[in-house]
Amino acid sequence: MLTFVFVFLSISVTGLHAAFTVSVFYPSIKVKENEGADLKCVYTADFGATPRVEWKFKDLKGSQSYIYFDNKPTAQYASRITVYTGGLRFEKVTRADTGDYDCEVSGNGGYGEKTVKLTVLVPPSKPVSRIPSSVTTGSNALLTCFDNDGSPPPTYKWYKDSTPLPDDPSKFPSFKNLTYKMNAFNGNLEFPSVSKLDIGSYFCEATNGEGAPQRGDAVQMDIRDLNVGGIVAGVIVALLAVGLLLFALWFANKKGYLPKMPESKSKTQAVYTQPRADEGDDGDGEFRQKSSFVV
């Protein structure tokens, strides 16, 4: 009796769970660009001697496509991959091959799938940065930094006057008076309200652990005070211009230089209706009005 229970439990734990199982040796693979890559995918014998095996690819933007379908590579991968029992091999990978690869197996009424994440390692290139050269005191300033080549996506660091800026300036005495916000993942450095303390030369740096960090060009950002006098003078000039325009229109109208608008006159007309010859007194001598004036 105990032997039967043991065998039954063994089947329940191993046999049922192992049926129609798909496995991958390495769920995550990292390979340098232009090198080969093997994506291992094995499955149990429950699928039969000739199961249907398909490979799908989803890139970083979410776009999906078939790599291996109907027992052959698709057209765009025909010269780049080899599918064998137990896996798929890339002869040479590019940065565009970074993404998720689904190994789907079906046969004998069973189905299973597993995913292999492939990351093609590419060093970052020189990042493109946008830094305003002049900002008004108290206004918002946004500095951006981006690299489109690095894989995995790089993280970013900003420098002011060749000194790295900490993620949280409030934790460092030398930066506690600064009020910037830095995002290491999208490369943004934002000043909600700039002050004279923010004057300096700025540049960003991109790094992803592959190759040397890459730096963008340094740009001097100056902070100028709001020109209140200039704004007031501009408003006065605008008001004077409007006043002169109104005076010119009034003077031209007074002298008769402007065309006069035609006056509309409403006239009352009387329309008389001539009575017919056969209209007159009725036989009973009663007089009836047979004509009328229409005004």
C-alpha atoms as a PDB file:
ATOM      1  CA  MET A   1       0.000   0.000   0.000  1.00  0.00           C
ATOM      2  CA  LEU A   2       2.801   2.377   0.901  1.00  0.00           C
ATOM      3  CA  THR A   3       4.593   1.548  -2.355  1.00  0.00           C
ATOM      4  CA  PHE A   4       1.462   2.393  -4.367  1.00  0.00           C
ATOM      5  CA  VAL A   5       1.125   5.738  -2.604  1.00  0.00           C
ATOM      6  CA  PHE A   6       4.793   6.499  -3.234  1.00  0.00           C
ATOM      7  CA  VAL A   7       4.516   5.657  -6.955  1.00  0.00           C
ATOM      8  CA  PHE A   8       1.314   7.693  -7.248  1.00  0.00           C
ATOM      9  CA  LEU A   9       2.950  10.714  -5.601  1.00  0.00           C
ATOM     10  CA  SER A  10       6.013  10.357  -7.821  1.00  0.00           C
ATOM     11  CA  ILE A  11       3.853  10.414 -10.949  1.00  0.00           C
ATOM     12  CA  SER A  12       1.913  13.381  -9.627  1.00  0.00           C
ATOM     13  CA  VAL A  13       5.028  15.374  -8.845  1.00  0.00           C
ATOM     14  CA  THR A  14       7.214  14.476 -11.831  1.00  0.00           C
ATOM     15  CA  GLY A  15       5.193  12.935 -14.621  1.00  0.00           C
ATOM     16  CA  LEU A  16       2.302  15.366 -14.787  1.00  0.00           C
ATOM     17  CA  HIS A  17       4.456  18.425 -14.350  1.00  0.00           C
ATOM     18  CA  ALA A  18       6.981  17.283 -16.961  1.00  0.00           C
ATOM     19  CA  ALA A  19       4.407  16.572 -19.685  1.00  0.00           C
ATOM     20  CA  PHE A  20       4.606  18.923 -22.682  1.00  0.00           C
ATOM     21  CA  THR A  21       7.399  20.961 -21.120  1.00  0.00           C
ATOM     22  CA  VAL A  22       9.504  23.531 -22.984  1.00  0.00           C
ATOM     23  CA  SER A  23      12.748  24.743 -21.385  1.00  0.00           C
ATOM     24  CA  VAL A  24      15.509  27.223 -22.184  1.00  0.00           C
ATOM     25  CA  PHE A  25      19.055  26.903 -20.877  1.00  0.00           C
ATOM     26  CA  TYR A  26      19.673  30.656 -20.542  1.00  0.00           C
ATOM     27  CA  PRO A  27      16.602  32.931 -20.194  1.00  0.00           C
ATOM     28  CA  SER A  28      18.822  35.979 -20.663  1.00  0.00           C
ATOM     29  CA  ILE A  29      21.778  36.210 -23.051  1.00  0.00           C
ATOM     30  CA  LYS A  30      24.177  39.096 -23.640  1.00  0.00           C
ATOM     31  CA  VAL A  31      26.377  39.108 -26.724  1.00  0.00           C
ATOM     32  CA  LYS A  32      28.595  41.767 -28.255  1.00  0.00           C
ATOM     33  CA  GLU A  33      27.584  43.165 -31.608  1.00  0.00           C
ATOM     34  CA  ASN A  34      28.816  41.228 -34.669  1.00  0.00           C
ATOM     35  CA  GLU A  35      29.359  38.061 -32.632  1.00  0.00           C
ATOM     36  CA  GLY A  36      27.382  34.796 -32.837  1.00  0.00           C
ATOM     37  CA  ALA A  37      24.596  33.844 -30.442  1.00  0.00           C
ATOM     38  CA  ASP A  38      22.934  30.509 -29.543  1.00  0.00           C
ATOM     39  CA  LEU A  39      19.391  30.485 -28.184  1.00  0.00           C
ATOM     40  CA  LYS A  40      18.785  27.056 -26.621  1.00  0.00           C
ATOM     41  CA  CYS A  41      15.245  25.637 -26.523  1.00  0.00           C
ATOM     42  CA  VAL A  42      14.469  21.999 -25.631  1.00  0.00           C
ATOM     43  CA  TYR A  43      11.196  20.153 -25.091  1.00  0.00           C
ATOM     44  CA  THR A  44       9.960  16.810 -23.799  1.00  0.00           C
ATOM     45  CA  ALA A  45       9.097  13.812 -25.958  1.00  0.00           C
ATOM     46  CA  ASP A  46       5.380  14.261 -25.283  1.00  0.00           C
ATOM     47  CA  PHE A  47       5.159  16.538 -28.325  1.00  0.00           C
ATOM     48  CA  GLY A  48       5.993  13.620 -30.607  1.00  0.00           C
ATOM     49  CA  ALA A  49       8.839  12.820 -32.989  1.00  0.00           C
ATOM     50  CA  THR A  50       8.188  15.782 -35.298  1.00  0.00           C
ATOM     51  CA  PRO A  51       6.654  18.620 -33.285  1.00  0.00           C
ATOM     52  CA  ARG A  52       5.920  22.030 -34.767  1.00  0.00           C
ATOM     53  CA  VAL A  53       8.548  24.516 -33.634  1.00  0.00           C
ATOM     54  CA  GLU A  54       8.223  28.251 -34.265  1.00  0.00           C
ATOM     55  CA  TRP A  55      10.333  31.229 -33.226  1.00  0.00           C
ATOM     56  CA  LYS A  56       8.938  34.744 -32.796  1.00  0.00           C
ATOM     57  CA  PHE A  57      10.779  38.001 -32.139  1.00  0.00           C
ATOM     58  CA  LYS A  58       9.582  41.147 -30.321  1.00  0.00           C
ATOM     59  CA  ASP A  59      11.877  44.178 -30.437  1.00  0.00           C
ATOM     60  CA  LEU A  60      12.241  46.947 -27.871  1.00  0.00           C
ATOM     61  CA  LYS A  61       9.434  48.948 -29.502  1.00  0.00           C
ATOM     62  CA  GLY A  62       6.983  46.056 -29.171  1.00  0.00           C
ATOM     63  CA  SER A  63       6.910  45.131 -32.864  1.00  0.00           C
ATOM     64  CA  GLN A  64       6.555  41.352 -33.438  1.00  0.00           C
ATOM     65  CA  SER A  65       7.609  39.159 -36.356  1.00  0.00           C
ATOM     66  CA  TYR A  66       8.288  35.506 -37.193  1.00  0.00           C
ATOM     67  CA  ILE A  67      11.860  34.265 -37.434  1.00  0.00           C
ATOM     68  CA  TYR A  68      11.186  30.580 -38.061  1.00  0.00           C
ATOM     69  CA  PHE A  69       7.804  29.523 -39.424  1.00  0.00           C
ATOM     70  CA  ASP A  70       6.472  26.494 -41.324  1.00  0.00           C
ATOM     71  CA  ASN A  71       9.780  24.618 -40.842  1.00  0.00           C
ATOM     72  CA  LYS A  72      11.936  27.304 -42.452  1.00  0.00           C
ATOM     73  CA  PRO A  73      13.407  30.729 -41.621  1.00  0.00           C
ATOM     74  CA  THR A  74      11.458  33.739 -42.832  1.00  0.00           C
ATOM     75  CA  ALA A  75      12.889  35.732 -45.753  1.00  0.00           C
ATOM     76  CA  GLN A  76      14.645  38.414 -43.696  1.00  0.00           C
ATOM     77  CA  TYR A  77      16.409  35.804 -41.511  1.00  0.00           C
ATOM     78  CA  ALA A  78      17.136  33.123 -44.123  1.00  0.00           C
ATOM     79  CA  SER A  79      20.824  34.050 -44.454  1.00  0.00           C
ATOM     80  CA  ARG A  80      21.371  34.903 -40.791  1.00  0.00           C
ATOM     81  CA  ILE A  81      20.102  32.013 -38.665  1.00  0.00           C
ATOM     82  CA  THR A  82      20.278  28.240 -38.396  1.00  0.00           C
ATOM     83  CA  VAL A  83      17.563  26.297 -36.568  1.00  0.00           C
ATOM     84  CA  TYR A  84      18.547  22.905 -35.187  1.00  0.00           C
ATOM     85  CA  THR A  85      17.057  20.425 -32.733  1.00  0.00           C
ATOM     86  CA  GLY A  86      17.393  22.200 -29.438  1.00  0.00           C
ATOM     87  CA  GLY A  87      17.891  25.781 -30.477  1.00  0.00           C
ATOM     88  CA  LEU A  88      18.478  28.654 -32.865  1.00  0.00           C
ATOM     89  CA  ARG A  89      21.829  30.128 -33.844  1.00  0.00           C
ATOM     90  CA  PHE A  90      22.647  33.622 -35.118  1.00  0.00           C
ATOM     91  CA  GLU A  91      25.820  33.770 -37.188  1.00  0.00           C
ATOM     92  CA  LYS A  92      26.264  37.468 -36.388  1.00  0.00           C
ATOM     93  CA  VAL A  93      24.006  39.731 -34.317  1.00  0.00           C
ATOM     94  CA  THR A  94      23.354  43.449 -34.694  1.00  0.00           C
ATOM     95  CA  ARG A  95      21.911  45.994 -32.278  1.00  0.00           C
ATOM     96  CA  ALA A  96      18.535  45.601 -34.005  1.00  0.00           C
ATOM     97  CA  ASP A  97      18.394  41.991 -32.763  1.00  0.00           C
ATOM     98  CA  THR A  98      17.990  43.063 -29.133  1.00  0.00           C
ATOM     99  CA  GLY A  99      14.634  41.855 -27.815  1.00  0.00           C
ATOM    100  CA  ASP A 100      12.585  38.825 -26.731  1.00  0.00           C
ATOM    101  CA  TYR A 101      12.585  35.508 -28.621  1.00  0.00           C
ATOM    102  CA  ASP A 102       9.673  33.116 -28.072  1.00  0.00           C
ATOM    103  CA  CYS A 103      10.215  29.407 -28.690  1.00  0.00           C
ATOM    104  CA  GLU A 104       6.786  27.810 -29.289  1.00  0.00           C
ATOM    105  CA  VAL A 105       6.354  24.039 -29.532  1.00  0.00           C
ATOM    106  CA  SER A 106       3.146  22.132 -30.324  1.00  0.00           C
ATOM    107  CA  GLY A 107       2.279  18.520 -31.132  1.00  0.00           C
ATOM    108  CA  ASN A 108       0.185  15.547 -29.933  1.00  0.00           C
ATOM    109  CA  GLY A 109      -2.380  18.006 -28.606  1.00  0.00           C
ATOM    110  CA  GLY A 110       0.105  19.755 -26.357  1.00  0.00           C
ATOM    111  CA  TYR A 111       1.579  23.248 -26.434  1.00  0.00           C
ATOM    112  CA  GLY A 112       4.376  25.065 -24.618  1.00  0.00           C
ATOM    113  CA  GLU A 113       6.535  28.137 -24.991  1.00  0.00           C
ATOM    114  CA  LYS A 114       9.498  29.860 -23.388  1.00  0.00           C
ATOM    115  CA  THR A 115      11.189  33.215 -23.905  1.00  0.00           C
ATOM    116  CA  VAL A 116      14.864  34.054 -24.304  1.00  0.00           C
ATOM    117  CA  LYS A 117      15.879  37.691 -23.821  1.00  0.00           C
ATOM    118  CA  LEU A 118      18.782  38.683 -26.061  1.00  0.00           C
ATOM    119  CA  THR A 119      20.749  41.866 -25.412  1.00  0.00           C
ATOM    120  CA  VAL A 120      23.264  42.886 -28.056  1.00  0.00           C
ATOM    121  CA  LEU A 121      25.960  44.908 -26.319  1.00  0.00           C
ATOM    122  CA  VAL A 122      26.866  48.200 -28.030  1.00  0.00           C
ATOM    123  CA  PRO A 123      28.968  50.971 -26.461  1.00  0.00           C
ATOM    124  CA  PRO A 124      27.316  54.406 -26.334  1.00  0.00           C
ATOM    125  CA  SER A 125      28.224  57.039 -28.881  1.00  0.00           C
ATOM    126  CA  LYS A 126      28.751  60.735 -28.271  1.00  0.00           C
ATOM    127  CA  PRO A 127      25.429  61.917 -26.797  1.00  0.00           C
ATOM    128  CA  VAL A 128      23.417  64.746 -28.321  1.00  0.00           C
ATOM    129  CA  SER A 129      22.696  67.436 -25.735  1.00  0.00           C
ATOM    130  CA  ARG A 130      20.608  70.602 -25.775  1.00  0.00           C
ATOM    131  CA  ILE A 131      21.683  73.314 -23.367  1.00  0.00           C
ATOM    132  CA  PRO A 132      20.292  76.883 -23.442  1.00  0.00           C
ATOM    133  CA  SER A 133      23.003  79.508 -23.633  1.00  0.00           C
ATOM    134  CA  SER A 134      20.956  82.193 -21.860  1.00  0.00           C
ATOM    135  CA  VAL A 135      18.055  81.945 -19.405  1.00  0.00           C
ATOM    136  CA  THR A 136      16.091  84.610 -17.532  1.00  0.00           C
ATOM    137  CA  THR A 137      16.212  84.576 -13.725  1.00  0.00           C
ATOM    138  CA  GLY A 138      13.286  82.699 -12.193  1.00  0.00           C
ATOM    139  CA  SER A 139      12.309  80.889 -15.386  1.00  0.00           C
ATOM    140  CA  ASN A 140      12.360  77.156 -16.093  1.00  0.00           C
ATOM    141  CA  ALA A 141      15.369  75.644 -17.878  1.00  0.00           C
ATOM    142  CA  LEU A 142      15.510  72.121 -19.329  1.00  0.00           C
ATOM    143  CA  LEU A 143      18.785  70.514 -20.406  1.00  0.00           C
ATOM    144  CA  THR A 144      18.496  67.257 -22.376  1.00  0.00           C
ATOM    145  CA  CYS A 145      20.954  64.494 -23.239  1.00  0.00           C
ATOM    146  CA  PHE A 146      20.372  61.432 -25.442  1.00  0.00           C
ATOM    147  CA  ASP A 147      22.329  58.614 -27.059  1.00  0.00           C
ATOM    148  CA  ASN A 148      20.602  56.446 -29.662  1.00  0.00           C
ATOM    149  CA  ASP A 149      23.274  53.755 -30.107  1.00  0.00           C
ATOM    150  CA  GLY A 150      24.082  52.293 -26.708  1.00  0.00           C
ATOM    151  CA  SER A 151      22.709  48.848 -25.827  1.00  0.00           C
ATOM    152  CA  PRO A 152      21.602  48.293 -23.153  1.00  0.00           C
ATOM    153  CA  PRO A 153      20.243  51.867 -22.955  1.00  0.00           C
ATOM    154  CA  PRO A 154      22.795  54.044 -21.176  1.00  0.00           C
ATOM    155  CA  THR A 155      22.368  56.046 -18.032  1.00  0.00           C
ATOM    156  CA  TYR A 156      23.330  59.724 -17.927  1.00  0.00           C
ATOM    157  CA  LYS A 157      25.308  62.006 -15.665  1.00  0.00           C
ATOM    158  CA  TRP A 158      25.603  65.794 -15.806  1.00  0.00           C
ATOM    159  CA  TYR A 159      28.642  67.958 -15.067  1.00  0.00           C
ATOM    160  CA  LYS A 160      28.845  71.628 -14.143  1.00  0.00           C
ATOM    161  CA  ASP A 161      32.239  73.291 -14.589  1.00  0.00           C
ATOM    162  CA  SER A 162      33.743  69.761 -14.921  1.00  0.00           C
ATOM    163  CA  THR A 163      32.293  68.715 -11.539  1.00  0.00           C
ATOM    164  CA  PRO A 164      29.741  65.860 -11.513  1.00  0.00           C
ATOM    165  CA  LEU A 165      26.323  66.896 -10.213  1.00  0.00           C
ATOM    166  CA  PRO A 166      24.880  64.599  -7.489  1.00  0.00           C
ATOM    167  CA  ASP A 167      21.443  63.065  -8.013  1.00  0.00           C
ATOM    168  CA  ASP A 168      20.137  64.813  -4.882  1.00  0.00           C
ATOM    169  CA  PRO A 169      21.844  68.191  -4.305  1.00  0.00           C
ATOM    170  CA  SER A 170      20.251  68.643  -0.867  1.00  0.00           C
ATOM    171  CA  LYS A 171      22.500  65.896   0.555  1.00  0.00           C
ATOM    172  CA  PHE A 172      25.746  67.704  -0.283  1.00  0.00           C
ATOM    173  CA  PRO A 173      26.802  71.012   1.329  1.00  0.00           C
ATOM    174  CA  SER A 174      28.407  72.304  -1.876  1.00  0.00           C
ATOM    175  CA  PHE A 175      25.166  71.832  -3.846  1.00  0.00           C
ATOM    176  CA  LYS A 176      22.437  72.334  -1.224  1.00  0.00           C
ATOM    177  CA  ASN A 177      21.521  75.786  -2.595  1.00  0.00           C
ATOM    178  CA  LEU A 178      20.859  74.371  -6.073  1.00  0.00           C
ATOM    179  CA  THR A 179      17.330  73.282  -6.961  1.00  0.00           C
ATOM    180  CA  TYR A 180      17.746  71.171 -10.080  1.00  0.00           C
ATOM    181  CA  LYS A 181      16.121  67.777 -10.806  1.00  0.00           C
ATOM    182  CA  MET A 182      18.190  65.159 -12.644  1.00  0.00           C
ATOM    183  CA  ASN A 183      16.883  61.976 -14.310  1.00  0.00           C
ATOM    184  CA  ALA A 184      19.680  59.483 -14.915  1.00  0.00           C
ATOM    185  CA  PHE A 185      17.535  57.314 -17.195  1.00  0.00           C
ATOM    186  CA  ASN A 186      16.208  59.810 -19.746  1.00  0.00           C
ATOM    187  CA  GLY A 187      19.079  62.318 -19.484  1.00  0.00           C
ATOM    188  CA  ASN A 188      17.034  65.366 -18.423  1.00  0.00           C
ATOM    189  CA  LEU A 189      18.417  68.046 -16.120  1.00  0.00           C
ATOM    190  CA  GLU A 190      15.714  70.536 -15.135  1.00  0.00           C
ATOM    191  CA  PHE A 191      15.908  73.807 -13.218  1.00  0.00           C
ATOM    192  CA  PRO A 192      12.382  74.793 -12.080  1.00  0.00           C
ATOM    193  CA  SER A 193      13.536  78.343 -11.283  1.00  0.00           C
ATOM    194  CA  VAL A 194      17.069  79.308 -12.276  1.00  0.00           C
ATOM    195  CA  SER A 195      19.201  81.719 -10.294  1.00  0.00           C
ATOM    196  CA  LYS A 196      22.657  83.235 -10.600  1.00  0.00           C
ATOM    197  CA  LEU A 197      24.038  80.197  -8.771  1.00  0.00           C
ATOM    198  CA  ASP A 198      23.223  78.068 -11.835  1.00  0.00           C
ATOM    199  CA  ILE A 199      25.588  79.954 -14.160  1.00  0.00           C
ATOM    200  CA  GLY A 200      28.230  77.598 -15.492  1.00  0.00           C
ATOM    201  CA  SER A 201      29.498  75.293 -18.236  1.00  0.00           C
ATOM    202  CA  TYR A 202      27.422  72.108 -18.580  1.00  0.00           C
ATOM    203  CA  PHE A 203      27.935  68.816 -20.391  1.00  0.00           C
ATOM    204  CA  CYS A 204      26.482  65.299 -20.063  1.00  0.00           C
ATOM    205  CA  GLU A 205      27.981  61.813 -20.052  1.00  0.00           C
ATOM    206  CA  ALA A 206      26.447  58.527 -21.274  1.00  0.00           C
ATOM    207  CA  THR A 207      27.551  55.100 -20.039  1.00  0.00           C
ATOM    208  CA  ASN A 208      26.177  51.534 -20.196  1.00  0.00           C
ATOM    209  CA  GLY A 209      29.148  49.436 -19.052  1.00  0.00           C
ATOM    210  CA  GLU A 210      30.289  48.730 -22.619  1.00  0.00           C
ATOM    211  CA  GLY A 211      33.325  50.666 -23.709  1.00  0.00           C
ATOM    212  CA  ALA A 212      34.351  54.048 -22.365  1.00  0.00           C
ATOM    213  CA  PRO A 213      31.777  56.633 -21.211  1.00  0.00           C
ATOM    214  CA  GLN A 214      30.994  59.213 -23.881  1.00  0.00           C
ATOM    215  CA  ARG A 215      30.661  62.937 -23.223  1.00  0.00           C
ATOM    216  CA  GLY A 216      28.740  65.601 -25.087  1.00  0.00           C
ATOM    217  CA  ASP A 217      29.922  69.123 -25.902  1.00  0.00           C
ATOM    218  CA  ALA A 218      30.154  71.635 -23.060  1.00  0.00           C
ATOM    219  CA  VAL A 219      27.944  74.740 -23.318  1.00  0.00           C
ATOM    220  CA  GLN A 220      28.073  77.834 -21.121  1.00  0.00           C
ATOM    221  CA  MET A 221      24.669  78.674 -19.618  1.00  0.00           C
ATOM    222  CA  ASP A 222      24.310  82.287 -18.498  1.00  0.00           C
ATOM    223  CA  ILE A 223      21.531  83.678 -16.302  1.00  0.00           C
ATOM    224  CA  ARG A 224      20.290  87.208 -16.998  1.00  0.00           C
ATOM    225  CA  ASP A 225      17.999  89.383 -14.888  1.00  0.00           C
ATOM    226  CA  LEU A 226      14.542  90.266 -16.111  1.00  0.00           C
ATOM    227  CA  ASN A 227      14.729  93.647 -17.932  1.00  0.00           C
ATOM    228  CA  VAL A 228      11.820  95.418 -16.216  1.00  0.00           C
ATOM    229  CA  GLY A 229      12.795  98.806 -17.626  1.00  0.00           C
ATOM    230  CA  GLY A 230      12.829  97.458 -21.156  1.00  0.00           C
ATOM    231  CA  ILE A 231       9.399  95.884 -20.710  1.00  0.00           C
ATOM    232  CA  VAL A 232       7.939  99.141 -19.349  1.00  0.00           C
ATOM    233  CA  ALA A 233       9.500 101.114 -22.207  1.00  0.00           C
ATOM    234  CA  GLY A 234       8.080  98.654 -24.714  1.00  0.00           C
ATOM    235  CA  VAL A 235       4.582  99.007 -23.258  1.00  0.00           C
ATOM    236  CA  ILE A 236       4.824 102.817 -23.362  1.00  0.00           C
ATOM    237  CA  VAL A 237       5.991 102.767 -26.977  1.00  0.00           C
ATOM    238  CA  ALA A 238       3.119 100.444 -27.904  1.00  0.00           C
ATOM    239  CA  LEU A 239       0.567 102.718 -26.203  1.00  0.00           C
ATOM    240  CA  LEU A 240       1.993 105.779 -27.966  1.00  0.00           C
ATOM    241  CA  ALA A 241       1.781 104.010 -31.300  1.00  0.00           C
ATOM    242  CA  VAL A 242      -1.865 103.102 -30.700  1.00  0.00           C
ATOM    243  CA  GLY A 243      -2.624 106.699 -29.635  1.00  0.00           C
ATOM    244  CA  LEU A 244      -0.988 108.138 -32.758  1.00  0.00           C
ATOM    245  CA  LEU A 245      -2.934 105.739 -34.944  1.00  0.00           C
ATOM    246  CA  LEU A 246      -6.244 106.721 -33.363  1.00  0.00           C
ATOM    247  CA  PHE A 247      -5.408 110.455 -33.706  1.00  0.00           C
ATOM    248  CA  ALA A 248      -4.485 109.996 -37.364  1.00  0.00           C
ATOM    249  CA  LEU A 249      -7.787 108.263 -38.063  1.00  0.00           C
ATOM    250  CA  TRP A 250      -9.721 111.010 -36.283  1.00  0.00           C
ATOM    251  CA  PHE A 251      -7.900 113.793 -38.140  1.00  0.00           C
ATOM    252  CA  ALA A 252      -8.328 112.107 -41.526  1.00  0.00           C
ATOM    253  CA  ASN A 253     -12.017 111.623 -40.900  1.00  0.00           C
ATOM    254  CA  LYS A 254     -12.439 115.267 -39.844  1.00  0.00           C
ATOM    255  CA  LYS A 255     -10.740 116.558 -42.990  1.00  0.00           C
ATOM    256  CA  GLY A 256     -12.796 114.292 -45.176  1.00  0.00           C
ATOM    257  CA  TYR A 257      -9.903 112.154 -46.312  1.00  0.00           C
ATOM    258  CA  LEU A 258     -11.698 108.965 -45.416  1.00  0.00           C
ATOM    259  CA  PRO A 259     -14.582 107.750 -47.644  1.00  0.00           C
ATOM    260  CA  LYS A 260     -18.009 108.340 -46.109  1.00  0.00           C
ATOM    261  CA  MET A 261     -20.365 105.489 -45.555  1.00  0.00           C
ATOM    262  CA  PRO A 262     -23.516 105.721 -47.748  1.00  0.00           C
ATOM    263  CA  GLU A 263     -26.599 106.739 -45.763  1.00  0.00           C
ATOM    264  CA  SER A 264     -29.573 104.452 -45.998  1.00  0.00           C
ATOM    265  CA  LYS A 265     -32.944 106.297 -46.357  1.00  0.00           C
ATOM    266  CA  SER A 266     -36.255 104.626 -45.836  1.00  0.00           C
ATOM    267  CA  LYS A 267     -39.065 106.092 -48.027  1.00  0.00           C
ATOM    268  CA  THR A 268     -42.786 105.551 -47.601  1.00  0.00           C
ATOM    269  CA  GLN A 269     -44.618 104.922 -50.870  1.00  0.00           C
ATOM    270  CA  ALA A 270     -48.371 104.936 -51.451  1.00  0.00           C
ATOM    271  CA  VAL A 271     -49.824 102.465 -53.889  1.00  0.00           C
ATOM    272  CA  TYR A 272     -53.284 103.221 -55.341  1.00  0.00           C
ATOM    273  CA  THR A 273     -55.407 100.440 -56.780  1.00  0.00           C
ATOM    274  CA  GLN A 274     -57.780 101.556 -59.518  1.00  0.00           C
ATOM    275  CA  PRO A 275     -61.301 100.041 -59.092  1.00  0.00           C
ATOM    276  CA  ARG A 276     -62.661  97.917 -61.882  1.00  0.00           C
ATOM    277  CA  ALA A 277     -65.395  99.299 -64.077  1.00  0.00           C
ATOM    278  CA  ASP A 278     -67.946  96.746 -62.913  1.00  0.00           C
ATOM    279  CA  GLU A 279     -67.341  97.580 -59.287  1.00  0.00           C
ATOM    280  CA  GLY A 280     -69.789 100.014 -57.707  1.00  0.00           C
ATOM    281  CA  ASP A 281     -72.923  99.970 -55.653  1.00  0.00           C
ATOM    282  CA  ASP A 282     -74.558  96.640 -55.149  1.00  0.00           C
ATOM    283  CA  GLY A 283     -78.136  96.103 -56.188  1.00  0.00           C
ATOM    284  CA  ASP A 284     -79.418  96.590 -52.699  1.00  0.00           C
ATOM    285  CA  GLY A 285     -77.970 100.096 -52.607  1.00  0.00           C
ATOM    286  CA  GLU A 286     -75.359  99.218 -50.048  1.00  0.00           C
ATOM    287  CA  PHE A 287     -72.043 100.908 -50.633  1.00  0.00           C
ATOM    288  CA  ARG A 288     -68.895  98.752 -50.380  1.00  0.00           C
ATOM    289  CA  GLN A 289     -65.288  99.772 -50.451  1.00  0.00           C
ATOM    290  CA  LYS A 290     -63.842  98.401 -53.725  1.00  0.00           C
ATOM    291  CA  SER A 291     -60.477 100.090 -53.759  1.00  0.00           C
ATOM    292  CA  SER A 292     -57.839 100.695 -51.214  1.00  0.00           C
ATOM    293  CA  PHE A 293     -54.617 102.510 -50.559  1.00  0.00           C
ATOM    294  CA  VAL A 294     -51.716 100.435 -49.568  1.00  0.00           C
ATOM    295  CA  VAL A 295     -49.106 102.261 -47.605  1.00  0.00           C
END
